[in-house]
């Protein structure tokens, strides 16, 4: 029997154990012993890129795509983004844990680690929300597509601070950090009833997809939620009425 090798481990900001394992040529990332992703199950990570890309991207209407990926992981979303975006892409990968970046160089170069050296790719070591906020505040160029695979969903956060992305201020910042027609895609382990309505409330047109863990899976248990920023500004059909001032007699 081939043993499982514990290749490396680190601690997340909240103290959880994050580890990389190898078994029979396949690699696995685990959080506190629970598997988050692996080289054997990559379908949903690749579909996250497919659903995040603006609908006009495959029609050649945009000469250059600026894309933000939340989390390097094992690099399968990055791989698919580079396939879709073309030679003039500008892809930012935000990875909170510097160890994960190093693991991709030390252990995963033959998986997708080499893609970090692609001239179209910039690795940002830090919280993806910093990249979102900079673009929202116009301190950086906006994004055409955004892939957020940082949690199992807003009801199952990998890190507590990620909750800020799913609240009103976070979704507003995401909306403001996208170009008109730009799309954000959230990966979720299961159905998240509390995500679609908040996206709509912040001005996104929304849709969601059921996705399988891998091609041969019988059930599609995961979800990808997508919000698209309107091409034109949305005006409020019911603007607030001005309060009449009380006149003194």
C-alpha atoms as a PDB file:
ATOM      1  CA  UNK A   1       0.000   0.000   0.000  1.00  0.00           C
ATOM      2  CA  UNK A   2       1.392   3.393  -1.029  1.00  0.00           C
ATOM      3  CA  UNK A   3       1.637   5.709   1.997  1.00  0.00           C
ATOM      4  CA  UNK A   4       0.345   9.284   2.074  1.00  0.00           C
ATOM      5  CA  UNK A   5       3.164  11.804   2.397  1.00  0.00           C
ATOM      6  CA  UNK A   6       2.742  14.992   4.391  1.00  0.00           C
ATOM      7  CA  UNK A   7       4.845  17.334   2.263  1.00  0.00           C
ATOM      8  CA  UNK A   8       4.371  20.596   4.151  1.00  0.00           C
ATOM      9  CA  UNK A   9       2.117  22.401   6.576  1.00  0.00           C
ATOM     10  CA  UNK A  10       1.537  25.867   7.968  1.00  0.00           C
ATOM     11  CA  UNK A  11      -0.901  27.795  10.122  1.00  0.00           C
ATOM     12  CA  UNK A  12      -3.549  30.157   8.803  1.00  0.00           C
ATOM     13  CA  UNK A  13      -4.100  33.554  10.493  1.00  0.00           C
ATOM     14  CA  UNK A  14      -6.780  32.038  12.755  1.00  0.00           C
ATOM     15  CA  UNK A  15      -4.491  29.178  13.824  1.00  0.00           C
ATOM     16  CA  UNK A  16      -5.928  26.398  11.647  1.00  0.00           C
ATOM     17  CA  UNK A  17      -3.571  23.801  10.183  1.00  0.00           C
ATOM     18  CA  UNK A  18      -3.206  24.001   6.408  1.00  0.00           C
ATOM     19  CA  UNK A  19      -1.277  21.153   4.794  1.00  0.00           C
ATOM     20  CA  UNK A  20      -0.119  19.697   1.477  1.00  0.00           C
ATOM     21  CA  UNK A  21      -0.107  15.928   0.914  1.00  0.00           C
ATOM     22  CA  UNK A  22       0.917  13.566  -1.868  1.00  0.00           C
ATOM     23  CA  UNK A  23      -0.352  10.062  -2.604  1.00  0.00           C
ATOM     24  CA  UNK A  24       0.513   7.993  -5.657  1.00  0.00           C
ATOM     25  CA  UNK A  25       1.351  11.066  -7.744  1.00  0.00           C
ATOM     26  CA  UNK A  26      -1.728  13.077  -6.728  1.00  0.00           C
ATOM     27  CA  UNK A  27      -1.710  16.138  -4.454  1.00  0.00           C
ATOM     28  CA  UNK A  28      -4.171  17.266  -1.799  1.00  0.00           C
ATOM     29  CA  UNK A  29      -4.673  20.462   0.203  1.00  0.00           C
ATOM     30  CA  UNK A  30      -6.293  20.045   3.612  1.00  0.00           C
ATOM     31  CA  UNK A  31      -7.559  22.381   6.312  1.00  0.00           C
ATOM     32  CA  UNK A  32      -7.495  20.840   9.787  1.00  0.00           C
ATOM     33  CA  UNK A  33      -7.352  17.421   8.139  1.00  0.00           C
ATOM     34  CA  UNK A  34     -10.347  18.002   5.853  1.00  0.00           C
ATOM     35  CA  UNK A  35      -9.690  17.984   2.120  1.00  0.00           C
ATOM     36  CA  UNK A  36     -10.239  21.306   0.352  1.00  0.00           C
ATOM     37  CA  UNK A  37      -8.988  20.467  -3.142  1.00  0.00           C
ATOM     38  CA  UNK A  38      -6.915  17.935  -5.021  1.00  0.00           C
ATOM     39  CA  UNK A  39      -5.385  17.158  -8.391  1.00  0.00           C
ATOM     40  CA  UNK A  40      -7.952  14.373  -8.798  1.00  0.00           C
ATOM     41  CA  UNK A  41     -10.974  16.679  -8.590  1.00  0.00           C
ATOM     42  CA  UNK A  42     -10.478  19.818 -10.681  1.00  0.00           C
ATOM     43  CA  UNK A  43     -13.685  20.250 -12.679  1.00  0.00           C
ATOM     44  CA  UNK A  44     -15.382  22.859 -10.503  1.00  0.00           C
ATOM     45  CA  UNK A  45     -12.204  24.980 -10.263  1.00  0.00           C
ATOM     46  CA  UNK A  46     -12.012  25.129 -14.052  1.00  0.00           C
ATOM     47  CA  UNK A  47     -15.742  25.819 -14.425  1.00  0.00           C
ATOM     48  CA  UNK A  48     -15.350  28.727 -12.030  1.00  0.00           C
ATOM     49  CA  UNK A  49     -13.275  30.426 -14.733  1.00  0.00           C
ATOM     50  CA  UNK A  50     -15.732  29.549 -17.489  1.00  0.00           C
ATOM     51  CA  UNK A  51     -18.673  31.080 -15.646  1.00  0.00           C
ATOM     52  CA  UNK A  52     -16.730  34.130 -14.481  1.00  0.00           C
ATOM     53  CA  UNK A  53     -15.742  35.278 -17.940  1.00  0.00           C
ATOM     54  CA  UNK A  54     -17.890  37.983 -19.555  1.00  0.00           C
ATOM     55  CA  UNK A  55     -20.173  36.661 -22.243  1.00  0.00           C
ATOM     56  CA  UNK A  56     -18.530  38.839 -24.890  1.00  0.00           C
ATOM     57  CA  UNK A  57     -15.073  37.436 -24.135  1.00  0.00           C
ATOM     58  CA  UNK A  58     -15.359  34.580 -26.603  1.00  0.00           C
ATOM     59  CA  UNK A  59     -16.541  36.962 -29.327  1.00  0.00           C
ATOM     60  CA  UNK A  60     -13.321  38.952 -29.363  1.00  0.00           C
ATOM     61  CA  UNK A  61     -14.966  42.196 -28.274  1.00  0.00           C
ATOM     62  CA  UNK A  62     -12.390  42.872 -25.553  1.00  0.00           C
ATOM     63  CA  UNK A  63      -8.747  43.231 -26.533  1.00  0.00           C
ATOM     64  CA  UNK A  64      -7.363  42.677 -23.048  1.00  0.00           C
ATOM     65  CA  UNK A  65      -8.781  41.029 -19.967  1.00  0.00           C
ATOM     66  CA  UNK A  66      -7.946  41.939 -16.408  1.00  0.00           C
ATOM     67  CA  UNK A  67      -8.794  39.075 -14.077  1.00  0.00           C
ATOM     68  CA  UNK A  68      -8.607  38.615 -10.309  1.00  0.00           C
ATOM     69  CA  UNK A  69      -8.350  35.136  -8.788  1.00  0.00           C
ATOM     70  CA  UNK A  70      -8.862  34.746  -5.052  1.00  0.00           C
ATOM     71  CA  UNK A  71      -6.600  31.888  -3.962  1.00  0.00           C
ATOM     72  CA  UNK A  72      -3.839  30.075  -5.871  1.00  0.00           C
ATOM     73  CA  UNK A  73      -4.696  26.623  -4.523  1.00  0.00           C
ATOM     74  CA  UNK A  74      -3.410  24.042  -6.982  1.00  0.00           C
ATOM     75  CA  UNK A  75      -3.681  26.444  -9.914  1.00  0.00           C
ATOM     76  CA  UNK A  76      -6.472  24.891 -11.964  1.00  0.00           C
ATOM     77  CA  UNK A  77      -8.567  28.057 -12.085  1.00  0.00           C
ATOM     78  CA  UNK A  78      -5.462  29.983 -13.162  1.00  0.00           C
ATOM     79  CA  UNK A  79      -4.768  27.390 -15.836  1.00  0.00           C
ATOM     80  CA  UNK A  80      -8.257  27.800 -17.300  1.00  0.00           C
ATOM     81  CA  UNK A  81      -8.182  31.605 -17.056  1.00  0.00           C
ATOM     82  CA  UNK A  82      -5.009  31.734 -19.127  1.00  0.00           C
ATOM     83  CA  UNK A  83      -6.601  29.456 -21.718  1.00  0.00           C
ATOM     84  CA  UNK A  84      -9.598  31.774 -21.996  1.00  0.00           C
ATOM     85  CA  UNK A  85      -7.978  35.185 -21.658  1.00  0.00           C
ATOM     86  CA  UNK A  86      -5.542  35.055 -24.529  1.00  0.00           C
ATOM     87  CA  UNK A  87      -2.050  36.503 -24.998  1.00  0.00           C
ATOM     88  CA  UNK A  88      -2.823  39.988 -23.670  1.00  0.00           C
ATOM     89  CA  UNK A  89      -4.334  38.951 -20.341  1.00  0.00           C
ATOM     90  CA  UNK A  90      -3.520  40.687 -17.066  1.00  0.00           C
ATOM     91  CA  UNK A  91      -4.180  38.149 -14.300  1.00  0.00           C
ATOM     92  CA  UNK A  92      -3.742  38.874 -10.602  1.00  0.00           C
ATOM     93  CA  UNK A  93      -3.666  35.891  -8.244  1.00  0.00           C
ATOM     94  CA  UNK A  94      -4.153  36.902  -4.602  1.00  0.00           C
ATOM     95  CA  UNK A  95      -2.891  34.264  -2.162  1.00  0.00           C
ATOM     96  CA  UNK A  96      -3.122  34.903   1.558  1.00  0.00           C
ATOM     97  CA  UNK A  97      -0.567  32.280   2.606  1.00  0.00           C
ATOM     98  CA  UNK A  98       3.001  32.779   1.338  1.00  0.00           C
ATOM     99  CA  UNK A  99       3.622  29.096   2.029  1.00  0.00           C
ATOM    100  CA  UNK A 100       1.080  28.095  -0.635  1.00  0.00           C
ATOM    101  CA  UNK A 101       2.963  30.185  -3.182  1.00  0.00           C
ATOM    102  CA  UNK A 102       6.199  28.469  -2.166  1.00  0.00           C
ATOM    103  CA  UNK A 103       4.616  25.007  -2.253  1.00  0.00           C
ATOM    104  CA  UNK A 104       3.599  25.619  -5.848  1.00  0.00           C
ATOM    105  CA  UNK A 105       7.246  26.339  -6.617  1.00  0.00           C
ATOM    106  CA  UNK A 106       8.781  23.554  -4.521  1.00  0.00           C
ATOM    107  CA  UNK A 107       6.333  20.675  -5.043  1.00  0.00           C
ATOM    108  CA  UNK A 108       3.796  21.635  -7.726  1.00  0.00           C
ATOM    109  CA  UNK A 109       5.813  22.991 -10.649  1.00  0.00           C
ATOM    110  CA  UNK A 110       4.697  20.019 -12.770  1.00  0.00           C
ATOM    111  CA  UNK A 111       1.062  20.646 -11.806  1.00  0.00           C
ATOM    112  CA  UNK A 112       0.452  24.374 -12.367  1.00  0.00           C
ATOM    113  CA  UNK A 113       3.227  26.070 -10.388  1.00  0.00           C
ATOM    114  CA  UNK A 114       5.055  27.093 -13.540  1.00  0.00           C
ATOM    115  CA  UNK A 115       2.095  29.283 -14.502  1.00  0.00           C
ATOM    116  CA  UNK A 116       3.077  31.731 -11.748  1.00  0.00           C
ATOM    117  CA  UNK A 117       6.030  32.728 -13.949  1.00  0.00           C
ATOM    118  CA  UNK A 118       3.835  33.417 -16.976  1.00  0.00           C
ATOM    119  CA  UNK A 119       4.357  37.079 -17.970  1.00  0.00           C
ATOM    120  CA  UNK A 120       0.583  37.606 -17.894  1.00  0.00           C
ATOM    121  CA  UNK A 121       0.419  36.665 -14.204  1.00  0.00           C
ATOM    122  CA  UNK A 122       1.044  38.769 -11.110  1.00  0.00           C
ATOM    123  CA  UNK A 123       1.129  37.043  -7.713  1.00  0.00           C
ATOM    124  CA  UNK A 124      -0.170  39.216  -4.882  1.00  0.00           C
ATOM    125  CA  UNK A 125       0.774  37.907  -1.459  1.00  0.00           C
ATOM    126  CA  UNK A 126      -2.086  39.035   0.756  1.00  0.00           C
ATOM    127  CA  UNK A 127      -5.847  39.207   1.184  1.00  0.00           C
ATOM    128  CA  UNK A 128      -7.842  39.253  -2.061  1.00  0.00           C
ATOM    129  CA  UNK A 129     -10.109  41.884  -0.504  1.00  0.00           C
ATOM    130  CA  UNK A 130      -7.209  44.352  -0.646  1.00  0.00           C
ATOM    131  CA  UNK A 131      -7.158  43.981  -4.437  1.00  0.00           C
ATOM    132  CA  UNK A 132     -10.925  44.425  -4.598  1.00  0.00           C
ATOM    133  CA  UNK A 133     -10.846  47.533  -2.432  1.00  0.00           C
ATOM    134  CA  UNK A 134      -8.038  49.160  -4.439  1.00  0.00           C
ATOM    135  CA  UNK A 135      -9.967  48.702  -7.677  1.00  0.00           C
ATOM    136  CA  UNK A 136     -13.206  49.917  -6.071  1.00  0.00           C
ATOM    137  CA  UNK A 137     -11.436  53.045  -4.816  1.00  0.00           C
ATOM    138  CA  UNK A 138      -9.884  53.581  -8.275  1.00  0.00           C
ATOM    139  CA  UNK A 139      -6.366  53.090  -6.948  1.00  0.00           C
ATOM    140  CA  UNK A 140      -6.018  50.208  -9.414  1.00  0.00           C
ATOM    141  CA  UNK A 141      -7.631  49.323 -12.729  1.00  0.00           C
ATOM    142  CA  UNK A 142     -10.985  47.486 -12.538  1.00  0.00           C
ATOM    143  CA  UNK A 143     -11.401  43.830 -13.385  1.00  0.00           C
ATOM    144  CA  UNK A 144     -13.322  42.201 -16.219  1.00  0.00           C
ATOM    145  CA  UNK A 145     -13.661  38.923 -14.332  1.00  0.00           C
ATOM    146  CA  UNK A 146     -13.263  37.883 -10.719  1.00  0.00           C
ATOM    147  CA  UNK A 147     -12.993  34.328  -9.372  1.00  0.00           C
ATOM    148  CA  UNK A 148     -13.468  33.911  -5.629  1.00  0.00           C
ATOM    149  CA  UNK A 149     -12.649  30.431  -4.337  1.00  0.00           C
ATOM    150  CA  UNK A 150     -11.670  31.513  -0.846  1.00  0.00           C
ATOM    151  CA  UNK A 151     -14.342  29.657   1.146  1.00  0.00           C
ATOM    152  CA  UNK A 152     -16.843  26.836   1.061  1.00  0.00           C
ATOM    153  CA  UNK A 153     -19.419  29.625   0.867  1.00  0.00           C
ATOM    154  CA  UNK A 154     -20.486  32.553   3.055  1.00  0.00           C
ATOM    155  CA  UNK A 155     -21.957  30.154   5.604  1.00  0.00           C
ATOM    156  CA  UNK A 156     -18.717  28.131   5.818  1.00  0.00           C
ATOM    157  CA  UNK A 157     -15.756  30.501   5.874  1.00  0.00           C
ATOM    158  CA  UNK A 158     -12.201  29.185   5.640  1.00  0.00           C
ATOM    159  CA  UNK A 159     -10.994  32.349   7.398  1.00  0.00           C
ATOM    160  CA  UNK A 160     -13.217  34.592   9.559  1.00  0.00           C
ATOM    161  CA  UNK A 161     -12.070  37.816   7.850  1.00  0.00           C
ATOM    162  CA  UNK A 162     -13.455  36.550   4.531  1.00  0.00           C
ATOM    163  CA  UNK A 163     -16.934  37.340   5.814  1.00  0.00           C
ATOM    164  CA  UNK A 164     -16.406  40.987   4.876  1.00  0.00           C
ATOM    165  CA  UNK A 165     -16.705  40.098   1.190  1.00  0.00           C
ATOM    166  CA  UNK A 166     -20.260  38.798   1.547  1.00  0.00           C
ATOM    167  CA  UNK A 167     -21.731  41.735   3.456  1.00  0.00           C
ATOM    168  CA  UNK A 168     -23.208  44.889   1.952  1.00  0.00           C
ATOM    169  CA  UNK A 169     -19.966  46.858   1.916  1.00  0.00           C
ATOM    170  CA  UNK A 170     -18.022  43.924   0.457  1.00  0.00           C
ATOM    171  CA  UNK A 171     -20.475  43.252  -2.373  1.00  0.00           C
ATOM    172  CA  UNK A 172     -20.637  46.985  -3.114  1.00  0.00           C
ATOM    173  CA  UNK A 173     -16.845  47.051  -3.374  1.00  0.00           C
ATOM    174  CA  UNK A 174     -16.893  44.047  -5.699  1.00  0.00           C
ATOM    175  CA  UNK A 175     -19.500  45.742  -7.893  1.00  0.00           C
ATOM    176  CA  UNK A 176     -17.438  48.932  -8.051  1.00  0.00           C
ATOM    177  CA  UNK A 177     -14.238  47.025  -8.820  1.00  0.00           C
ATOM    178  CA  UNK A 178     -15.678  45.445 -11.979  1.00  0.00           C
ATOM    179  CA  UNK A 179     -15.874  46.943 -15.457  1.00  0.00           C
ATOM    180  CA  UNK A 180     -19.361  47.352 -16.987  1.00  0.00           C
ATOM    181  CA  UNK A 181     -20.379  43.856 -18.037  1.00  0.00           C
ATOM    182  CA  UNK A 182     -17.759  42.345 -15.734  1.00  0.00           C
ATOM    183  CA  UNK A 183     -18.592  39.214 -13.764  1.00  0.00           C
ATOM    184  CA  UNK A 184     -17.782  37.792 -10.342  1.00  0.00           C
ATOM    185  CA  UNK A 185     -18.055  34.060  -9.645  1.00  0.00           C
ATOM    186  CA  UNK A 186     -18.187  32.585  -6.141  1.00  0.00           C
ATOM    187  CA  UNK A 187     -17.428  28.910  -5.510  1.00  0.00           C
ATOM    188  CA  UNK A 188     -19.586  27.268  -2.849  1.00  0.00           C
ATOM    189  CA  UNK A 189     -19.506  23.724  -1.516  1.00  0.00           C
ATOM    190  CA  UNK A 190     -23.295  23.538  -1.470  1.00  0.00           C
ATOM    191  CA  UNK A 191     -26.405  25.680  -1.941  1.00  0.00           C
ATOM    192  CA  UNK A 192     -26.066  29.141  -0.384  1.00  0.00           C
ATOM    193  CA  UNK A 193     -29.513  30.701  -0.110  1.00  0.00           C
ATOM    194  CA  UNK A 194     -28.053  33.823   1.456  1.00  0.00           C
ATOM    195  CA  UNK A 195     -25.916  34.818  -1.520  1.00  0.00           C
ATOM    196  CA  UNK A 196     -28.155  35.313  -4.545  1.00  0.00           C
ATOM    197  CA  UNK A 197     -30.467  37.934  -3.021  1.00  0.00           C
ATOM    198  CA  UNK A 198     -27.639  40.115  -1.642  1.00  0.00           C
ATOM    199  CA  UNK A 199     -25.985  40.090  -5.078  1.00  0.00           C
ATOM    200  CA  UNK A 200     -29.222  41.253  -6.702  1.00  0.00           C
ATOM    201  CA  UNK A 201     -29.678  43.919  -4.052  1.00  0.00           C
ATOM    202  CA  UNK A 202     -26.242  45.353  -4.867  1.00  0.00           C
ATOM    203  CA  UNK A 203     -27.126  45.758  -8.547  1.00  0.00           C
ATOM    204  CA  UNK A 204     -25.894  42.492 -10.043  1.00  0.00           C
ATOM    205  CA  UNK A 205     -27.831  40.360 -12.458  1.00  0.00           C
ATOM    206  CA  UNK A 206     -27.421  36.902 -10.968  1.00  0.00           C
ATOM    207  CA  UNK A 207     -27.365  33.260 -11.924  1.00  0.00           C
ATOM    208  CA  UNK A 208     -26.107  30.061 -10.355  1.00  0.00           C
ATOM    209  CA  UNK A 209     -24.929  26.693 -11.580  1.00  0.00           C
ATOM    210  CA  UNK A 210     -24.825  23.222 -10.053  1.00  0.00           C
ATOM    211  CA  UNK A 211     -21.447  21.614 -10.711  1.00  0.00           C
ATOM    212  CA  UNK A 212     -19.998  18.170 -10.144  1.00  0.00           C
ATOM    213  CA  UNK A 213     -16.858  17.492  -8.164  1.00  0.00           C
ATOM    214  CA  UNK A 214     -15.494  15.533 -11.131  1.00  0.00           C
ATOM    215  CA  UNK A 215     -16.752  14.409 -14.522  1.00  0.00           C
ATOM    216  CA  UNK A 216     -17.898  10.957 -13.364  1.00  0.00           C
ATOM    217  CA  UNK A 217     -19.694  12.142 -10.227  1.00  0.00           C
ATOM    218  CA  UNK A 218     -23.369  11.168 -10.125  1.00  0.00           C
ATOM    219  CA  UNK A 219     -24.592  14.323  -8.393  1.00  0.00           C
ATOM    220  CA  UNK A 220     -23.775  17.996  -8.823  1.00  0.00           C
ATOM    221  CA  UNK A 221     -23.373  19.001  -5.201  1.00  0.00           C
ATOM    222  CA  UNK A 222     -21.315  22.191  -5.556  1.00  0.00           C
ATOM    223  CA  UNK A 223     -22.568  25.619  -6.636  1.00  0.00           C
ATOM    224  CA  UNK A 224     -21.097  28.533  -8.550  1.00  0.00           C
ATOM    225  CA  UNK A 225     -22.894  31.850  -8.034  1.00  0.00           C
ATOM    226  CA  UNK A 226     -22.340  34.554 -10.632  1.00  0.00           C
ATOM    227  CA  UNK A 227     -23.047  38.263 -10.492  1.00  0.00           C
ATOM    228  CA  UNK A 228     -22.752  40.462 -13.579  1.00  0.00           C
ATOM    229  CA  UNK A 229     -22.422  44.223 -13.443  1.00  0.00           C
ATOM    230  CA  UNK A 230     -24.756  45.988 -15.836  1.00  0.00           C
ATOM    231  CA  UNK A 231     -23.288  47.517 -18.989  1.00  0.00           C
ATOM    232  CA  UNK A 232     -25.230  50.698 -18.261  1.00  0.00           C
ATOM    233  CA  UNK A 233     -25.837  52.413 -14.917  1.00  0.00           C
ATOM    234  CA  UNK A 234     -29.015  51.303 -13.199  1.00  0.00           C
ATOM    235  CA  UNK A 235     -31.252  54.179 -12.173  1.00  0.00           C
ATOM    236  CA  UNK A 236     -33.504  53.889  -9.184  1.00  0.00           C
ATOM    237  CA  UNK A 237     -37.096  53.533 -10.464  1.00  0.00           C
ATOM    238  CA  UNK A 238     -38.406  54.764  -7.130  1.00  0.00           C
ATOM    239  CA  UNK A 239     -36.142  57.577  -5.974  1.00  0.00           C
ATOM    240  CA  UNK A 240     -36.638  58.723  -2.403  1.00  0.00           C
ATOM    241  CA  UNK A 241     -38.976  61.667  -2.022  1.00  0.00           C
ATOM    242  CA  UNK A 242     -37.680  64.864  -0.551  1.00  0.00           C
ATOM    243  CA  UNK A 243     -39.117  65.660   2.812  1.00  0.00           C
ATOM    244  CA  UNK A 244     -41.198  68.770   2.909  1.00  0.00           C
ATOM    245  CA  UNK A 245     -40.071  71.341   5.373  1.00  0.00           C
ATOM    246  CA  UNK A 246     -42.622  72.378   7.930  1.00  0.00           C
ATOM    247  CA  UNK A 247     -43.483  76.010   7.510  1.00  0.00           C
ATOM    248  CA  UNK A 248     -43.816  78.112  10.582  1.00  0.00           C
ATOM    249  CA  UNK A 249     -46.951  80.160  10.857  1.00  0.00           C
END
